[in-house]
N, C-alpha and C. Protein backbone atom coordinates (compact mmCIF):
# COMPACT_ATOMS: atom_id res chain seq x y z
N UNK A 1 4.39 11.63 10.77
CA UNK A 1 3.67 10.36 10.57
C UNK A 1 2.64 10.34 11.62
N UNK A 2 1.43 9.72 11.10
CA UNK A 2 0.24 9.58 11.90
C UNK A 2 0.24 8.00 12.44
N UNK A 3 0.04 7.72 13.62
CA UNK A 3 0.02 6.38 14.13
C UNK A 3 -1.36 5.87 13.74
N UNK A 4 -1.39 4.58 13.33
CA UNK A 4 -2.57 3.87 12.97
C UNK A 4 -2.56 2.47 13.73
N UNK A 5 -3.57 1.61 13.50
CA UNK A 5 -3.46 0.23 14.21
C UNK A 5 -2.52 -0.61 13.53
N UNK A 6 -2.04 -0.37 12.28
CA UNK A 6 -1.12 -1.30 11.73
C UNK A 6 0.40 -0.68 11.78
N UNK A 7 0.56 0.55 12.08
CA UNK A 7 1.80 1.20 12.21
C UNK A 7 1.73 2.69 12.10
N UNK A 8 2.57 3.43 11.07
CA UNK A 8 2.39 4.75 10.91
C UNK A 8 2.14 5.00 9.45
N UNK A 9 1.58 6.26 9.25
CA UNK A 9 1.20 6.60 7.88
C UNK A 9 1.41 8.16 7.70
N UNK A 10 1.96 8.64 6.52
CA UNK A 10 2.11 9.94 6.15
C UNK A 10 1.45 10.07 4.70
N UNK A 11 0.76 11.07 4.48
CA UNK A 11 0.21 11.40 3.17
C UNK A 11 0.86 12.51 2.48
N UNK A 12 1.31 12.36 1.21
CA UNK A 12 1.84 13.42 0.48
C UNK A 12 0.90 14.10 -0.18
N UNK A 13 0.84 15.38 -0.11
CA UNK A 13 -0.22 16.21 -0.84
C UNK A 13 0.26 16.47 -2.27
N UNK A 14 -0.33 16.02 -3.26
CA UNK A 14 0.03 16.13 -4.69
C UNK A 14 -0.94 17.12 -5.36
N UNK A 15 -0.64 17.84 -6.51
CA UNK A 15 -1.48 18.74 -7.13
C UNK A 15 -2.79 17.93 -7.69
N UNK A 16 -3.94 18.52 -7.46
CA UNK A 16 -5.17 17.84 -7.90
C UNK A 16 -5.31 17.39 -9.35
N UNK A 17 -4.48 18.13 -10.20
CA UNK A 17 -4.58 17.64 -11.54
C UNK A 17 -4.01 16.25 -11.88
N UNK A 18 -3.17 15.89 -10.86
CA UNK A 18 -2.50 14.57 -11.06
C UNK A 18 -3.46 13.35 -10.80
N UNK A 19 -4.70 13.66 -10.23
CA UNK A 19 -5.69 12.59 -9.76
C UNK A 19 -5.00 11.37 -9.26
N UNK A 20 -4.22 11.75 -8.14
CA UNK A 20 -3.34 10.71 -7.54
C UNK A 20 -3.23 10.99 -5.92
N UNK A 21 -2.93 9.90 -5.31
CA UNK A 21 -2.55 10.24 -3.87
C UNK A 21 -1.36 9.30 -3.67
N UNK A 22 -0.67 9.86 -2.75
CA UNK A 22 0.69 9.02 -2.36
C UNK A 22 0.74 8.99 -0.78
N UNK A 23 0.87 7.79 -0.22
CA UNK A 23 1.00 7.58 1.08
C UNK A 23 2.34 6.74 1.36
N UNK A 24 3.02 7.28 2.42
CA UNK A 24 4.16 6.35 2.94
C UNK A 24 3.65 5.57 4.27
N UNK A 25 3.61 4.37 4.09
CA UNK A 25 3.13 3.56 5.25
C UNK A 25 4.21 2.64 5.86
N UNK A 26 4.32 2.72 7.17
CA UNK A 26 5.20 1.79 7.86
C UNK A 26 4.39 0.65 8.54
N UNK A 27 4.46 -0.54 8.11
CA UNK A 27 3.72 -1.55 8.68
C UNK A 27 4.45 -2.35 9.88
N UNK A 28 3.92 -2.13 11.03
CA UNK A 28 4.55 -2.96 12.09
C UNK A 28 3.61 -4.17 12.39
N UNK A 29 2.34 -3.89 12.28
CA UNK A 29 1.35 -4.98 12.44
C UNK A 29 0.52 -5.16 11.12
N UNK A 30 0.09 -6.47 11.09
CA UNK A 30 -0.76 -6.81 10.06
C UNK A 30 -1.89 -5.84 9.66
N UNK A 31 -2.10 -5.39 8.41
CA UNK A 31 -3.17 -4.52 8.15
C UNK A 31 -4.51 -5.29 8.00
N UNK A 32 -5.57 -4.51 7.96
CA UNK A 32 -6.95 -5.06 7.91
C UNK A 32 -7.38 -5.08 6.40
N UNK A 33 -7.95 -6.11 5.95
CA UNK A 33 -8.42 -6.28 4.58
C UNK A 33 -9.37 -5.08 4.27
N UNK A 34 -9.27 -4.40 3.13
CA UNK A 34 -10.13 -3.36 2.62
C UNK A 34 -10.08 -3.21 1.26
N UNK A 35 -10.73 -2.29 0.64
CA UNK A 35 -10.87 -1.97 -0.72
C UNK A 35 -10.82 -0.55 -0.95
N UNK A 36 -10.49 -0.18 -2.31
CA UNK A 36 -10.44 1.10 -2.69
C UNK A 36 -11.19 1.24 -4.10
N UNK A 37 -11.65 2.42 -4.48
CA UNK A 37 -12.34 2.47 -5.81
C UNK A 37 -11.41 2.86 -6.96
N UNK A 38 -10.14 2.96 -6.67
CA UNK A 38 -9.00 3.28 -7.62
C UNK A 38 -7.98 2.18 -7.65
N UNK A 39 -7.25 2.05 -8.72
CA UNK A 39 -6.10 1.12 -8.72
C UNK A 39 -5.00 1.64 -7.84
N UNK A 40 -4.12 0.75 -7.35
CA UNK A 40 -3.04 1.19 -6.49
C UNK A 40 -1.85 0.35 -7.00
N UNK A 41 -0.73 1.04 -6.68
CA UNK A 41 0.62 0.21 -6.85
C UNK A 41 1.25 0.35 -5.57
N UNK A 42 1.53 -0.80 -4.89
CA UNK A 42 2.33 -0.83 -3.57
C UNK A 42 3.79 -1.05 -4.02
N UNK A 43 4.65 -0.02 -3.54
CA UNK A 43 6.10 -0.18 -3.82
C UNK A 43 6.83 -0.44 -2.51
N UNK A 44 7.51 -1.52 -2.28
CA UNK A 44 8.26 -1.64 -1.10
C UNK A 44 9.49 -0.86 -1.26
N UNK A 45 9.80 -0.02 -0.15
CA UNK A 45 10.93 0.69 -0.18
C UNK A 45 12.04 0.35 0.86
N UNK A 46 11.48 -0.52 1.80
CA UNK A 46 12.43 -1.04 2.85
C UNK A 46 11.77 -2.27 3.42
N UNK A 47 12.48 -3.23 3.88
CA UNK A 47 11.90 -4.46 4.40
C UNK A 47 11.24 -5.28 3.46
N UNK A 48 10.43 -6.18 4.08
CA UNK A 48 9.78 -7.16 3.31
C UNK A 48 8.46 -7.66 3.98
N UNK A 49 7.67 -8.35 3.14
CA UNK A 49 6.33 -8.80 3.71
C UNK A 49 5.62 -9.47 2.57
N UNK A 50 4.22 -9.55 2.87
CA UNK A 50 3.36 -10.07 1.90
C UNK A 50 2.17 -9.11 1.72
N UNK A 51 1.76 -8.99 0.44
CA UNK A 51 0.55 -8.16 0.22
C UNK A 51 -0.45 -9.33 -0.26
N UNK A 52 -1.57 -9.25 0.40
CA UNK A 52 -2.59 -10.24 0.05
C UNK A 52 -3.66 -9.48 -0.65
N UNK A 53 -3.89 -10.00 -1.95
CA UNK A 53 -4.89 -9.31 -2.94
C UNK A 53 -5.85 -10.40 -3.25
N UNK A 54 -7.20 -10.20 -2.82
CA UNK A 54 -8.27 -11.15 -3.17
C UNK A 54 -7.84 -12.64 -2.77
N UNK A 55 -7.15 -12.68 -1.55
CA UNK A 55 -6.88 -14.01 -1.12
C UNK A 55 -5.57 -14.60 -1.53
N UNK A 56 -4.91 -13.85 -2.53
CA UNK A 56 -3.67 -14.42 -3.08
C UNK A 56 -2.48 -13.70 -2.28
N UNK A 57 -1.53 -14.46 -1.79
CA UNK A 57 -0.37 -13.82 -1.16
C UNK A 57 0.72 -13.57 -2.18
N UNK A 58 1.12 -12.30 -2.21
CA UNK A 58 2.29 -11.90 -3.00
C UNK A 58 3.37 -11.30 -2.28
N UNK A 59 4.50 -12.12 -2.16
CA UNK A 59 5.74 -11.65 -1.40
C UNK A 59 6.15 -10.33 -2.11
N UNK A 60 6.61 -9.45 -1.27
CA UNK A 60 7.34 -8.15 -1.66
C UNK A 60 8.43 -7.82 -0.83
N UNK A 61 9.52 -7.30 -1.51
CA UNK A 61 10.72 -6.93 -0.63
C UNK A 61 11.15 -5.58 -1.31
N UNK A 62 12.11 -4.88 -0.59
CA UNK A 62 12.52 -3.58 -1.14
C UNK A 62 12.93 -3.60 -2.59
N UNK A 63 12.36 -2.78 -3.25
CA UNK A 63 12.47 -2.60 -4.69
C UNK A 63 11.53 -3.25 -5.56
N UNK A 64 10.64 -4.10 -4.93
CA UNK A 64 9.59 -4.80 -5.56
C UNK A 64 8.16 -4.02 -5.43
N UNK A 65 7.30 -4.45 -6.23
CA UNK A 65 5.87 -3.73 -6.20
C UNK A 65 4.80 -4.83 -6.55
N UNK A 66 3.49 -4.49 -6.15
CA UNK A 66 2.34 -5.25 -6.30
C UNK A 66 1.30 -4.24 -6.98
N UNK A 67 0.65 -4.70 -8.07
CA UNK A 67 -0.56 -3.80 -8.53
C UNK A 67 -1.65 -4.32 -7.98
N UNK A 68 -2.51 -3.56 -7.41
CA UNK A 68 -3.78 -3.77 -6.65
C UNK A 68 -4.93 -3.24 -7.40
N UNK A 69 -5.74 -4.03 -8.18
CA UNK A 69 -6.81 -3.43 -9.05
C UNK A 69 -7.86 -2.84 -8.14
N UNK A 70 -8.58 -1.81 -8.62
CA UNK A 70 -9.73 -1.12 -7.93
C UNK A 70 -10.72 -2.16 -7.63
N UNK A 71 -11.28 -2.18 -6.38
CA UNK A 71 -12.24 -3.15 -5.80
C UNK A 71 -11.71 -4.33 -5.19
N UNK A 72 -10.49 -4.56 -5.34
CA UNK A 72 -9.90 -5.81 -4.79
C UNK A 72 -9.62 -5.71 -3.27
N UNK A 73 -10.00 -6.74 -2.53
CA UNK A 73 -9.82 -6.71 -1.15
C UNK A 73 -8.24 -7.00 -0.91
N UNK A 74 -7.54 -6.25 -0.07
CA UNK A 74 -6.22 -6.31 0.15
C UNK A 74 -5.78 -5.84 1.49
N UNK A 75 -4.58 -6.47 1.89
CA UNK A 75 -3.96 -6.04 3.13
C UNK A 75 -2.49 -6.34 3.09
N UNK A 76 -1.71 -5.77 3.99
CA UNK A 76 -0.23 -5.97 4.09
C UNK A 76 0.01 -6.81 5.34
N UNK A 77 0.94 -7.68 5.18
CA UNK A 77 1.46 -8.40 6.34
C UNK A 77 3.04 -8.41 6.36
N UNK A 78 3.58 -7.54 7.31
CA UNK A 78 5.02 -7.37 7.38
C UNK A 78 5.72 -8.62 7.83
N UNK A 79 6.89 -8.89 7.40
CA UNK A 79 7.65 -10.03 7.96
C UNK A 79 8.01 -9.77 9.46
N UNK A 80 8.13 -10.92 10.18
CA UNK A 80 8.47 -10.84 11.55
C UNK A 80 9.71 -10.09 11.93
N UNK A 81 10.71 -10.33 11.08
CA UNK A 81 12.01 -9.72 11.27
C UNK A 81 12.25 -8.44 10.69
N UNK A 82 11.38 -7.82 9.96
CA UNK A 82 11.48 -6.59 9.33
C UNK A 82 10.20 -5.74 9.26
N UNK A 83 10.39 -4.48 9.40
CA UNK A 83 9.23 -3.51 9.30
C UNK A 83 9.19 -3.30 7.89
N UNK A 84 8.05 -3.54 7.14
CA UNK A 84 7.96 -3.21 5.75
C UNK A 84 7.53 -1.71 5.53
N UNK A 85 8.27 -1.00 4.82
CA UNK A 85 7.85 0.38 4.40
C UNK A 85 7.54 0.36 2.99
N UNK A 86 6.22 0.72 2.74
CA UNK A 86 5.44 0.61 1.43
C UNK A 86 4.97 1.94 0.98
N UNK A 87 5.13 2.28 -0.19
CA UNK A 87 4.53 3.54 -0.69
C UNK A 87 3.31 3.03 -1.51
N UNK A 88 2.10 3.63 -1.29
CA UNK A 88 0.98 3.25 -1.94
C UNK A 88 0.55 4.39 -2.76
N UNK A 89 0.39 4.22 -4.11
CA UNK A 89 0.01 5.20 -4.91
C UNK A 89 -1.25 4.90 -5.72
N UNK A 90 -2.35 5.71 -5.30
CA UNK A 90 -3.64 5.51 -6.08
C UNK A 90 -3.75 6.40 -7.15
N UNK A 91 -4.55 5.99 -8.22
CA UNK A 91 -4.70 6.85 -9.27
C UNK A 91 -5.96 6.45 -10.04
N UNK A 92 -6.60 7.46 -10.58
CA UNK A 92 -7.88 7.32 -11.19
C UNK A 92 -7.67 7.03 -12.69
N UNK A 93 -8.57 6.26 -13.31
CA UNK A 93 -8.40 6.14 -14.80
C UNK A 93 -8.73 7.47 -15.47
N UNK A 94 -8.08 7.58 -16.75
CA UNK A 94 -8.23 8.74 -17.51
C UNK A 94 -9.82 9.02 -17.69
N UNK A 95 -10.17 10.30 -17.41
CA UNK A 95 -11.54 10.75 -17.63
C UNK A 95 -12.36 10.37 -16.50
N UNK A 96 -11.89 9.80 -15.36
CA UNK A 96 -12.71 9.37 -14.27
C UNK A 96 -12.96 10.55 -13.39
């Protein structure tokens, strides 16, 4: 895992034909708002927190997920009593 300002992150290398990326992220601190040019699905695998998408707070806990549309400002806020582990899966639209 690679240390970042919000916690730790590991990227899983997938075959290029999948047009996807998979990252395992451990949020210890609040993330910074940012955007991506592809859609994402944030899947909570452990812990709980809030995913903020375009200013709307969406609670998420282990087993839950949030869809983040391309171009949407978003960030993760882990709960105080739990470190949220979230897998982020980016994918490109067909033909992109």
